[in-house]
Amino acid sequence: MAITKQYLKSKPVCKVTFTVPAEEAHEVKVVGTFNEWNTEATPLKKLKNGNFKGTVNLDKDQSYEFRYVVDGSYTNDEQADAYAWSDYAAAENGVLHL
């Protein structure tokens, strides 16, 4: 898994690209505080090499909790900036610091 951050000079925004290697998966989505944990809001596109990839624009100088949903199962990214415990999910969420 990979997270790429590209800060825009013209706006207080960071383009965050999520890449998830999941050749066997049918669908991968990213959910988090930036899309109110909506599993329909941010699907990732499957590439020919088997990776799923998608980009979201997020306000910089913020922190966001997130997780991936791979064929209905929640998973974290090992490249997250940090992890935060969620009592609601009874699991840790990945954290992005922008």
N, C-alpha and C. Protein backbone atom coordinates (compact mmCIF):
# COMPACT_ATOMS: atom_id res chain seq x y z
N MET A 1 0.85 -1.18 0.00
CA MET A 1 0.00 0.00 0.00
C MET A 1 0.89 1.23 0.00
N ALA A 2 0.37 2.29 -0.57
CA ALA A 2 1.17 3.51 -0.66
C ALA A 2 0.26 4.73 -0.56
N ILE A 3 0.80 5.76 0.05
CA ILE A 3 0.12 7.05 0.14
C ILE A 3 1.08 8.10 -0.39
N THR A 4 0.62 8.88 -1.37
CA THR A 4 1.44 9.95 -1.94
C THR A 4 0.75 11.27 -1.66
N LYS A 5 1.52 12.24 -1.18
CA LYS A 5 0.97 13.57 -0.87
C LYS A 5 1.60 14.60 -1.79
N GLN A 6 0.76 15.41 -2.43
CA GLN A 6 1.25 16.49 -3.30
C GLN A 6 0.57 17.78 -2.85
N TYR A 7 1.37 18.68 -2.28
CA TYR A 7 0.83 19.95 -1.79
C TYR A 7 0.76 20.94 -2.95
N LEU A 8 -0.39 21.60 -3.07
CA LEU A 8 -0.57 22.60 -4.12
C LEU A 8 -0.08 23.96 -3.63
N LYS A 9 0.65 24.66 -4.49
CA LYS A 9 1.15 25.99 -4.12
C LYS A 9 0.06 27.04 -4.20
N SER A 10 -0.91 26.84 -5.09
CA SER A 10 -1.93 27.85 -5.34
C SER A 10 -3.11 27.79 -4.36
N LYS A 11 -3.27 26.66 -3.64
CA LYS A 11 -4.40 26.49 -2.73
C LYS A 11 -3.92 25.79 -1.46
N PRO A 12 -4.65 25.97 -0.34
CA PRO A 12 -4.29 25.26 0.89
C PRO A 12 -4.81 23.82 0.88
N VAL A 13 -4.42 23.08 -0.17
CA VAL A 13 -4.94 21.74 -0.41
C VAL A 13 -3.78 20.78 -0.66
N CYS A 14 -3.99 19.53 -0.27
CA CYS A 14 -3.04 18.47 -0.56
C CYS A 14 -3.77 17.39 -1.35
N LYS A 15 -3.20 17.01 -2.49
CA LYS A 15 -3.75 15.90 -3.27
C LYS A 15 -3.16 14.62 -2.70
N VAL A 16 -4.01 13.77 -2.14
CA VAL A 16 -3.56 12.53 -1.53
C VAL A 16 -3.98 11.37 -2.43
N THR A 17 -2.98 10.61 -2.88
CA THR A 17 -3.25 9.45 -3.74
C THR A 17 -3.04 8.18 -2.94
N PHE A 18 -4.08 7.34 -2.93
CA PHE A 18 -4.05 6.05 -2.23
C PHE A 18 -3.85 4.95 -3.28
N THR A 19 -2.89 4.08 -3.05
CA THR A 19 -2.65 2.94 -3.94
C THR A 19 -2.67 1.67 -3.10
N VAL A 20 -3.53 0.73 -3.49
CA VAL A 20 -3.69 -0.51 -2.74
C VAL A 20 -3.47 -1.70 -3.67
N PRO A 21 -2.43 -2.51 -3.44
CA PRO A 21 -2.25 -3.71 -4.24
C PRO A 21 -3.24 -4.79 -3.79
N ALA A 22 -4.18 -5.14 -4.65
CA ALA A 22 -5.21 -6.11 -4.28
C ALA A 22 -5.72 -6.80 -5.54
N GLU A 23 -4.85 -7.58 -6.17
CA GLU A 23 -5.19 -8.21 -7.45
C GLU A 23 -6.44 -9.06 -7.38
N GLU A 24 -6.65 -9.74 -6.27
CA GLU A 24 -7.79 -10.65 -6.15
C GLU A 24 -9.09 -9.94 -5.77
N ALA A 25 -8.99 -8.68 -5.36
CA ALA A 25 -10.18 -7.96 -4.88
C ALA A 25 -11.07 -7.52 -6.04
N HIS A 26 -12.36 -7.40 -5.74
CA HIS A 26 -13.32 -6.90 -6.72
C HIS A 26 -13.50 -5.39 -6.58
N GLU A 27 -13.43 -4.91 -5.33
CA GLU A 27 -13.56 -3.47 -5.11
C GLU A 27 -12.79 -3.04 -3.87
N VAL A 28 -12.24 -1.83 -3.95
CA VAL A 28 -11.54 -1.22 -2.83
C VAL A 28 -12.03 0.21 -2.71
N LYS A 29 -12.34 0.60 -1.48
CA LYS A 29 -12.80 1.97 -1.22
C LYS A 29 -11.98 2.52 -0.07
N VAL A 30 -11.87 3.84 0.00
CA VAL A 30 -11.22 4.46 1.14
C VAL A 30 -12.30 5.27 1.87
N VAL A 31 -12.35 5.09 3.18
CA VAL A 31 -13.33 5.80 4.01
C VAL A 31 -12.58 6.50 5.12
N GLY A 32 -13.16 7.59 5.61
CA GLY A 32 -12.52 8.30 6.71
C GLY A 32 -13.29 9.53 7.12
N THR A 33 -12.64 10.31 7.97
CA THR A 33 -13.29 11.52 8.47
C THR A 33 -13.50 12.53 7.35
N PHE A 34 -12.73 12.42 6.26
CA PHE A 34 -12.87 13.36 5.15
C PHE A 34 -14.11 13.10 4.30
N ASN A 35 -14.70 11.89 4.37
CA ASN A 35 -15.93 11.61 3.63
C ASN A 35 -17.02 11.02 4.54
N GLU A 36 -16.92 11.32 5.82
CA GLU A 36 -17.89 10.91 6.84
C GLU A 36 -18.07 9.38 6.87
N TRP A 37 -16.99 8.64 6.59
CA TRP A 37 -16.97 7.18 6.62
C TRP A 37 -17.98 6.57 5.66
N ASN A 38 -18.30 7.28 4.59
CA ASN A 38 -19.27 6.82 3.60
C ASN A 38 -18.58 5.83 2.65
N THR A 39 -19.01 4.57 2.67
CA THR A 39 -18.37 3.54 1.86
C THR A 39 -18.65 3.70 0.37
N GLU A 40 -19.59 4.57 0.00
CA GLU A 40 -19.89 4.79 -1.42
C GLU A 40 -19.20 6.03 -1.98
N ALA A 41 -18.60 6.84 -1.11
CA ALA A 41 -18.10 8.16 -1.53
C ALA A 41 -16.79 8.11 -2.31
N THR A 42 -15.88 7.20 -1.97
CA THR A 42 -14.54 7.25 -2.56
C THR A 42 -14.06 5.87 -2.99
N PRO A 43 -14.64 5.33 -4.08
CA PRO A 43 -14.13 4.06 -4.59
C PRO A 43 -12.80 4.28 -5.30
N LEU A 44 -11.91 3.30 -5.23
CA LEU A 44 -10.65 3.36 -5.94
C LEU A 44 -10.79 2.58 -7.25
N LYS A 45 -10.07 3.04 -8.27
CA LYS A 45 -10.17 2.43 -9.60
C LYS A 45 -9.15 1.30 -9.73
N LYS A 46 -9.60 0.17 -10.28
CA LYS A 46 -8.69 -0.96 -10.48
C LYS A 46 -7.87 -0.73 -11.74
N LEU A 47 -6.55 -0.85 -11.61
CA LEU A 47 -5.63 -0.69 -12.73
C LEU A 47 -5.27 -2.06 -13.32
N LYS A 48 -4.70 -2.06 -14.51
CA LYS A 48 -4.34 -3.30 -15.19
C LYS A 48 -3.32 -4.12 -14.40
N ASN A 49 -2.47 -3.45 -13.60
CA ASN A 49 -1.45 -4.17 -12.83
C ASN A 49 -2.00 -4.79 -11.54
N GLY A 50 -3.30 -4.65 -11.29
CA GLY A 50 -3.92 -5.24 -10.11
C GLY A 50 -4.04 -4.30 -8.92
N ASN A 51 -3.42 -3.13 -9.01
CA ASN A 51 -3.54 -2.13 -7.94
C ASN A 51 -4.85 -1.37 -8.07
N PHE A 52 -5.33 -0.88 -6.95
CA PHE A 52 -6.45 0.05 -6.93
C PHE A 52 -5.89 1.42 -6.57
N LYS A 53 -6.38 2.47 -7.24
CA LYS A 53 -5.78 3.79 -7.03
C LYS A 53 -6.86 4.87 -7.09
N GLY A 54 -6.69 5.89 -6.26
CA GLY A 54 -7.60 7.03 -6.27
C GLY A 54 -6.98 8.21 -5.57
N THR A 55 -7.43 9.41 -5.94
CA THR A 55 -6.89 10.65 -5.38
C THR A 55 -8.02 11.48 -4.80
N VAL A 56 -7.77 12.06 -3.64
CA VAL A 56 -8.73 12.99 -3.02
C VAL A 56 -7.98 14.27 -2.67
N ASN A 57 -8.68 15.39 -2.75
CA ASN A 57 -8.13 16.68 -2.35
C ASN A 57 -8.57 16.96 -0.92
N LEU A 58 -7.59 17.16 -0.04
CA LEU A 58 -7.88 17.39 1.38
C LEU A 58 -7.22 18.69 1.83
N ASP A 59 -7.87 19.37 2.76
CA ASP A 59 -7.31 20.60 3.31
C ASP A 59 -6.03 20.29 4.06
N LYS A 60 -5.00 21.12 3.82
CA LYS A 60 -3.74 20.89 4.53
C LYS A 60 -3.83 21.46 5.95
N ASP A 61 -2.83 21.16 6.75
CA ASP A 61 -2.79 21.54 8.17
C ASP A 61 -3.92 20.89 8.95
N GLN A 62 -4.33 19.70 8.53
CA GLN A 62 -5.38 18.94 9.19
C GLN A 62 -4.91 17.50 9.38
N SER A 63 -5.61 16.77 10.23
CA SER A 63 -5.39 15.33 10.38
C SER A 63 -6.70 14.62 10.06
N TYR A 64 -6.59 13.49 9.41
CA TYR A 64 -7.76 12.71 9.00
C TYR A 64 -7.56 11.25 9.37
N GLU A 65 -8.59 10.63 9.94
CA GLU A 65 -8.55 9.19 10.18
C GLU A 65 -9.13 8.51 8.95
N PHE A 66 -8.60 7.32 8.62
CA PHE A 66 -9.09 6.62 7.43
C PHE A 66 -8.80 5.12 7.54
N ARG A 67 -9.50 4.36 6.70
CA ARG A 67 -9.26 2.92 6.52
C ARG A 67 -9.65 2.56 5.10
N TYR A 68 -9.17 1.42 4.64
CA TYR A 68 -9.60 0.88 3.35
C TYR A 68 -10.68 -0.16 3.59
N VAL A 69 -11.59 -0.28 2.62
CA VAL A 69 -12.59 -1.34 2.63
C VAL A 69 -12.32 -2.19 1.40
N VAL A 70 -11.77 -3.39 1.62
CA VAL A 70 -11.41 -4.29 0.52
C VAL A 70 -12.43 -5.42 0.52
N ASP A 71 -13.29 -5.43 -0.50
CA ASP A 71 -14.36 -6.43 -0.61
C ASP A 71 -15.13 -6.57 0.70
N GLY A 72 -15.42 -5.44 1.34
CA GLY A 72 -16.23 -5.43 2.55
C GLY A 72 -15.46 -5.55 3.85
N SER A 73 -14.16 -5.85 3.80
CA SER A 73 -13.35 -5.98 5.01
C SER A 73 -12.51 -4.73 5.23
N TYR A 74 -12.55 -4.21 6.44
CA TYR A 74 -11.78 -3.00 6.77
C TYR A 74 -10.33 -3.36 7.06
N THR A 75 -9.41 -2.53 6.54
CA THR A 75 -7.99 -2.75 6.77
C THR A 75 -7.26 -1.41 6.82
N ASN A 76 -6.13 -1.41 7.50
CA ASN A 76 -5.32 -0.19 7.62
C ASN A 76 -4.18 -0.20 6.62
N ASP A 77 -3.61 0.97 6.40
CA ASP A 77 -2.43 1.13 5.55
C ASP A 77 -1.21 1.19 6.46
N GLU A 78 -0.22 0.33 6.20
CA GLU A 78 0.97 0.33 7.05
C GLU A 78 1.80 1.59 6.86
N GLN A 79 1.50 2.40 5.85
CA GLN A 79 2.23 3.65 5.64
C GLN A 79 1.49 4.87 6.20
N ALA A 80 0.47 4.65 7.01
CA ALA A 80 -0.22 5.76 7.65
C ALA A 80 0.76 6.53 8.53
N ASP A 81 0.52 7.82 8.71
CA ASP A 81 1.41 8.65 9.52
C ASP A 81 1.34 8.28 11.00
N ALA A 82 0.18 7.78 11.42
CA ALA A 82 -0.02 7.38 12.82
C ALA A 82 -1.26 6.49 12.86
N TYR A 83 -1.61 6.03 14.06
CA TYR A 83 -2.81 5.24 14.26
C TYR A 83 -3.56 5.79 15.47
N ALA A 84 -4.88 5.73 15.41
CA ALA A 84 -5.72 6.22 16.51
C ALA A 84 -6.79 5.17 16.81
N TRP A 85 -6.97 4.88 18.10
CA TRP A 85 -7.98 3.90 18.51
C TRP A 85 -9.37 4.48 18.31
N SER A 86 -10.27 3.65 17.79
CA SER A 86 -11.67 4.02 17.62
C SER A 86 -12.53 3.09 18.46
N ASP A 87 -13.20 3.65 19.47
CA ASP A 87 -14.10 2.84 20.28
C ASP A 87 -15.27 2.34 19.44
N TYR A 88 -15.72 3.16 18.48
CA TYR A 88 -16.85 2.80 17.62
C TYR A 88 -16.54 1.53 16.83
N ALA A 89 -15.34 1.47 16.24
CA ALA A 89 -14.96 0.32 15.43
C ALA A 89 -14.26 -0.77 16.24
N ALA A 90 -13.89 -0.45 17.47
CA ALA A 90 -13.11 -1.37 18.32
C ALA A 90 -11.84 -1.81 17.59
N ALA A 91 -11.24 -0.85 16.90
CA ALA A 91 -10.01 -1.11 16.14
C ALA A 91 -9.27 0.21 15.94
N GLU A 92 -8.06 0.10 15.44
CA GLU A 92 -7.30 1.32 15.14
C GLU A 92 -7.61 1.79 13.73
N ASN A 93 -7.61 3.11 13.55
CA ASN A 93 -7.72 3.73 12.24
C ASN A 93 -6.37 4.32 11.88
N GLY A 94 -6.05 4.35 10.59
CA GLY A 94 -4.87 5.05 10.14
C GLY A 94 -5.11 6.54 10.23
N VAL A 95 -4.05 7.32 10.38
CA VAL A 95 -4.16 8.78 10.47
C VAL A 95 -3.23 9.40 9.43
N LEU A 96 -3.76 10.39 8.71
CA LEU A 96 -2.96 11.20 7.79
C LEU A 96 -2.75 12.57 8.42
N HIS A 97 -1.51 13.04 8.47
CA HIS A 97 -1.21 14.40 8.92
C HIS A 97 -0.81 15.19 7.67
N LEU A 98 -1.55 16.23 7.38
CA LEU A 98 -1.26 17.04 6.19
C LEU A 98 -0.81 18.43 6.57
